[in-house]
């Protein structure tokens, strides 16, 4: 029986989008930022655990988006707003 995994949080989704838009798909955190960016760091670790990001570099604070991460972004992209919804039509 397949288990259903929890969806990505808005922060995790934004991190994946940032990685996808960067050259080489690489994002990083400085060592000094860990105290003030604990939620971001936890989100990066969860994305790594889900295999949407992979660690890069010796400092272990760099990640690269994986093919699975790019696929996740495409599959869970929010639907575009309908034109009539913007104009208040039913």
N, C-alpha and C. Protein backbone atom coordinates (compact mmCIF):
# COMPACT_ATOMS: atom_id res chain seq x y z
N UNK A 1 0.85 -1.17 0.00
CA UNK A 1 0.00 0.00 0.00
C UNK A 1 0.90 1.24 0.00
N UNK A 2 0.66 2.11 -0.92
CA UNK A 2 1.46 3.33 -1.02
C UNK A 2 1.04 4.31 0.07
N UNK A 3 2.03 4.97 0.65
CA UNK A 3 1.73 5.97 1.67
C UNK A 3 1.67 7.34 1.01
N UNK A 4 0.78 8.15 1.48
CA UNK A 4 0.62 9.48 0.94
C UNK A 4 1.50 10.43 1.74
N UNK A 5 2.36 11.16 1.05
CA UNK A 5 3.25 12.06 1.78
C UNK A 5 2.62 13.44 1.90
N UNK A 6 3.03 14.09 2.95
CA UNK A 6 2.55 15.45 3.22
C UNK A 6 3.04 16.38 2.12
N UNK A 7 2.23 17.34 1.73
CA UNK A 7 2.62 18.31 0.72
C UNK A 7 3.68 19.26 1.23
N UNK A 8 4.23 20.04 0.33
CA UNK A 8 5.26 21.01 0.69
C UNK A 8 4.64 22.24 1.33
N UNK A 9 5.35 22.80 2.28
CA UNK A 9 4.91 24.06 2.88
C UNK A 9 5.21 25.18 1.89
N UNK A 10 4.59 26.34 2.05
CA UNK A 10 4.90 27.46 1.15
C UNK A 10 6.39 27.81 1.15
N UNK A 11 7.04 27.76 2.31
CA UNK A 11 8.47 28.05 2.38
C UNK A 11 9.28 27.03 1.59
N UNK A 12 8.97 25.75 1.75
CA UNK A 12 9.69 24.71 1.02
C UNK A 12 9.50 24.88 -0.48
N UNK A 13 8.30 25.22 -0.88
CA UNK A 13 8.01 25.44 -2.30
C UNK A 13 8.82 26.62 -2.84
N UNK A 14 8.90 27.70 -2.08
CA UNK A 14 9.67 28.87 -2.50
C UNK A 14 11.16 28.55 -2.60
N UNK A 15 11.66 27.73 -1.69
CA UNK A 15 13.06 27.32 -1.74
C UNK A 15 13.35 26.50 -3.00
N UNK A 16 12.44 25.59 -3.34
CA UNK A 16 12.62 24.81 -4.57
C UNK A 16 12.58 25.72 -5.79
N UNK A 17 11.65 26.68 -5.80
CA UNK A 17 11.57 27.62 -6.92
C UNK A 17 12.85 28.43 -7.04
N UNK A 18 13.39 28.88 -5.91
CA UNK A 18 14.64 29.66 -5.93
C UNK A 18 15.78 28.81 -6.49
N UNK A 19 15.85 27.55 -6.09
CA UNK A 19 16.90 26.67 -6.60
C UNK A 19 16.74 26.45 -8.10
N UNK A 20 15.51 26.27 -8.55
CA UNK A 20 15.26 26.03 -9.97
C UNK A 20 15.65 27.24 -10.83
N UNK A 21 15.54 28.44 -10.28
CA UNK A 21 15.82 29.66 -11.04
C UNK A 21 17.29 30.06 -11.01
N UNK A 22 18.09 29.47 -10.14
CA UNK A 22 19.51 29.84 -10.01
C UNK A 22 20.36 29.08 -11.01
N UNK A 23 21.47 29.66 -11.44
CA UNK A 23 22.39 28.95 -12.33
C UNK A 23 22.87 27.65 -11.69
N UNK A 24 22.74 26.57 -12.39
CA UNK A 24 23.15 25.27 -11.86
C UNK A 24 22.20 24.71 -10.83
N UNK A 25 21.12 25.43 -10.51
CA UNK A 25 20.15 24.96 -9.52
C UNK A 25 20.70 24.92 -8.11
N UNK A 26 21.70 25.75 -7.81
CA UNK A 26 22.37 25.70 -6.50
C UNK A 26 21.88 26.83 -5.61
N UNK A 27 21.55 26.48 -4.36
CA UNK A 27 21.22 27.46 -3.32
C UNK A 27 22.11 27.17 -2.13
N UNK A 28 22.38 28.18 -1.32
CA UNK A 28 23.26 27.98 -0.17
C UNK A 28 22.85 28.90 0.97
N UNK A 29 23.28 28.51 2.17
CA UNK A 29 23.10 29.31 3.38
C UNK A 29 24.48 29.54 3.98
N UNK A 30 24.72 30.70 4.51
CA UNK A 30 25.99 30.93 5.20
C UNK A 30 25.90 30.35 6.60
N UNK A 31 27.02 29.96 7.15
CA UNK A 31 27.07 29.40 8.50
C UNK A 31 26.48 30.38 9.51
N UNK A 32 26.73 31.67 9.32
CA UNK A 32 26.26 32.70 10.25
C UNK A 32 24.73 32.83 10.24
N UNK A 33 24.10 32.44 9.16
CA UNK A 33 22.66 32.63 9.05
C UNK A 33 21.84 31.56 9.76
N UNK A 34 22.48 30.48 10.18
CA UNK A 34 21.73 29.36 10.75
C UNK A 34 20.95 29.73 12.00
N UNK A 35 21.49 30.62 12.82
CA UNK A 35 20.77 31.02 14.04
C UNK A 35 19.50 31.79 13.73
N UNK A 36 19.55 32.65 12.72
CA UNK A 36 18.40 33.49 12.42
C UNK A 36 17.49 32.89 11.36
N UNK A 37 17.96 31.89 10.67
CA UNK A 37 17.15 31.28 9.61
C UNK A 37 16.85 29.81 9.90
N UNK A 38 16.53 29.52 11.14
CA UNK A 38 16.34 28.12 11.52
C UNK A 38 15.21 27.45 10.74
N UNK A 39 14.12 28.16 10.48
CA UNK A 39 13.02 27.57 9.71
C UNK A 39 13.46 27.25 8.29
N UNK A 40 14.23 28.16 7.69
CA UNK A 40 14.72 27.93 6.33
C UNK A 40 15.64 26.71 6.30
N UNK A 41 16.52 26.63 7.27
CA UNK A 41 17.45 25.49 7.34
C UNK A 41 16.67 24.18 7.51
N UNK A 42 15.68 24.18 8.38
CA UNK A 42 14.87 22.97 8.58
C UNK A 42 14.14 22.59 7.30
N UNK A 43 13.65 23.58 6.57
CA UNK A 43 12.98 23.31 5.31
C UNK A 43 13.95 22.72 4.29
N UNK A 44 15.18 23.25 4.26
CA UNK A 44 16.20 22.71 3.34
C UNK A 44 16.49 21.25 3.68
N UNK A 45 16.59 20.94 4.97
CA UNK A 45 16.86 19.57 5.38
C UNK A 45 15.71 18.64 5.00
N UNK A 46 14.48 19.12 5.15
CA UNK A 46 13.33 18.29 4.76
C UNK A 46 13.33 18.05 3.26
N UNK A 47 13.61 19.10 2.47
CA UNK A 47 13.67 18.93 1.02
C UNK A 47 14.79 17.96 0.63
N UNK A 48 15.87 17.98 1.38
CA UNK A 48 16.96 17.01 1.13
C UNK A 48 16.48 15.60 1.46
N UNK A 49 15.79 15.46 2.57
CA UNK A 49 15.27 14.14 2.97
C UNK A 49 14.29 13.59 1.94
N UNK A 50 13.49 14.48 1.34
CA UNK A 50 12.54 14.08 0.31
C UNK A 50 13.23 13.87 -1.05
N UNK A 51 14.54 14.13 -1.10
CA UNK A 51 15.36 13.99 -2.30
C UNK A 51 14.99 14.99 -3.39
N UNK A 52 14.49 16.16 -2.98
CA UNK A 52 14.22 17.25 -3.92
C UNK A 52 15.44 18.15 -4.04
N UNK A 53 16.30 18.13 -3.03
CA UNK A 53 17.58 18.85 -3.05
C UNK A 53 18.66 17.85 -2.67
N UNK A 54 19.88 18.08 -3.19
CA UNK A 54 21.02 17.27 -2.79
C UNK A 54 22.15 18.19 -2.34
N UNK A 55 22.89 17.75 -1.33
CA UNK A 55 23.98 18.57 -0.80
C UNK A 55 25.10 18.70 -1.81
N UNK A 56 25.69 19.88 -1.84
CA UNK A 56 26.82 20.17 -2.72
C UNK A 56 27.89 20.87 -1.90
N UNK A 57 29.12 20.67 -2.25
CA UNK A 57 30.21 21.42 -1.63
C UNK A 57 30.65 20.85 -0.30
N UNK A 58 31.83 21.30 0.11
CA UNK A 58 32.44 20.80 1.35
C UNK A 58 31.77 21.36 2.59
N UNK A 59 31.22 22.56 2.51
CA UNK A 59 30.65 23.18 3.70
C UNK A 59 29.30 22.59 4.10
N UNK A 60 28.71 21.77 3.25
CA UNK A 60 27.42 21.11 3.51
C UNK A 60 26.27 22.09 3.73
N UNK A 61 26.45 23.33 3.33
CA UNK A 61 25.37 24.31 3.41
C UNK A 61 24.97 24.78 2.00
N UNK A 62 25.26 23.94 1.02
CA UNK A 62 24.88 24.18 -0.37
C UNK A 62 24.05 23.00 -0.84
N UNK A 63 23.01 23.32 -1.55
CA UNK A 63 22.16 22.29 -2.10
C UNK A 63 21.89 22.58 -3.57
N UNK A 64 21.63 21.52 -4.33
CA UNK A 64 21.28 21.64 -5.74
C UNK A 64 19.94 20.95 -5.93
N UNK A 65 19.08 21.56 -6.73
CA UNK A 65 17.78 20.94 -6.98
C UNK A 65 17.97 19.69 -7.83
N UNK A 66 17.21 18.67 -7.52
CA UNK A 66 17.29 17.41 -8.26
C UNK A 66 16.19 17.36 -9.32
N UNK A 67 16.25 16.35 -10.16
CA UNK A 67 15.19 16.15 -11.15
C UNK A 67 13.85 15.95 -10.45
N UNK A 68 13.89 15.23 -9.34
CA UNK A 68 12.66 15.00 -8.56
C UNK A 68 12.10 16.32 -8.03
N UNK A 69 12.99 17.24 -7.63
CA UNK A 69 12.55 18.55 -7.15
C UNK A 69 11.90 19.36 -8.26
N UNK A 70 12.49 19.32 -9.45
CA UNK A 70 11.90 20.04 -10.59
C UNK A 70 10.54 19.45 -10.95
N UNK A 71 10.45 18.12 -10.90
CA UNK A 71 9.18 17.46 -11.20
C UNK A 71 8.13 17.84 -10.17
N UNK A 72 8.52 17.89 -8.90
CA UNK A 72 7.59 18.27 -7.82
C UNK A 72 7.05 19.67 -8.06
N UNK A 73 7.90 20.58 -8.47
CA UNK A 73 7.44 21.95 -8.75
C UNK A 73 6.41 21.97 -9.86
N UNK A 74 6.65 21.21 -10.90
CA UNK A 74 5.72 21.18 -12.04
C UNK A 74 4.40 20.53 -11.65
N UNK A 75 4.47 19.44 -10.89
CA UNK A 75 3.25 18.71 -10.52
C UNK A 75 2.39 19.44 -9.51
N UNK A 76 3.00 20.23 -8.65
CA UNK A 76 2.24 20.89 -7.59
C UNK A 76 2.07 22.39 -7.83
N UNK A 77 2.33 22.82 -9.05
CA UNK A 77 2.17 24.24 -9.36
C UNK A 77 0.72 24.64 -9.17
N UNK A 78 0.48 25.80 -8.53
CA UNK A 78 -0.90 26.24 -8.35
C UNK A 78 -1.54 26.54 -9.70
N UNK A 79 -2.81 26.25 -9.80
CA UNK A 79 -3.54 26.51 -11.04
C UNK A 79 -3.64 28.01 -11.27
N UNK A 80 -3.49 28.46 -12.52
CA UNK A 80 -3.63 29.90 -12.79
C UNK A 80 -5.05 30.38 -12.53
N UNK A 81 -5.16 31.60 -12.08
CA UNK A 81 -6.49 32.17 -11.80
C UNK A 81 -7.25 32.31 -13.11
N UNK A 82 -8.52 32.02 -13.06
CA UNK A 82 -9.35 32.17 -14.27
C UNK A 82 -9.63 33.64 -14.53
N UNK A 83 -9.71 34.00 -15.78
CA UNK A 83 -9.91 35.41 -16.17
C UNK A 83 -11.21 35.95 -15.59
N UNK A 84 -12.27 35.16 -15.63
CA UNK A 84 -13.55 35.68 -15.14
C UNK A 84 -13.55 35.84 -13.62
N UNK A 85 -12.73 35.11 -12.92
CA UNK A 85 -12.65 35.24 -11.46
C UNK A 85 -12.05 36.59 -11.08
N UNK A 86 -11.13 37.10 -11.92
CA UNK A 86 -10.51 38.39 -11.63
C UNK A 86 -11.47 39.54 -11.84
N UNK A 87 -12.47 39.32 -12.67
CA UNK A 87 -13.40 40.39 -12.99
C UNK A 87 -14.70 40.29 -12.21
N UNK A 88 -14.75 39.35 -11.27
CA UNK A 88 -15.92 39.21 -10.42
C UNK A 88 -17.12 38.56 -11.10
N UNK A 89 -16.87 37.86 -12.19
CA UNK A 89 -17.97 37.18 -12.89
C UNK A 89 -18.08 35.76 -12.41
N UNK A 90 -19.26 35.22 -12.43
CA UNK A 90 -19.50 33.86 -11.98
C UNK A 90 -19.34 32.86 -13.08
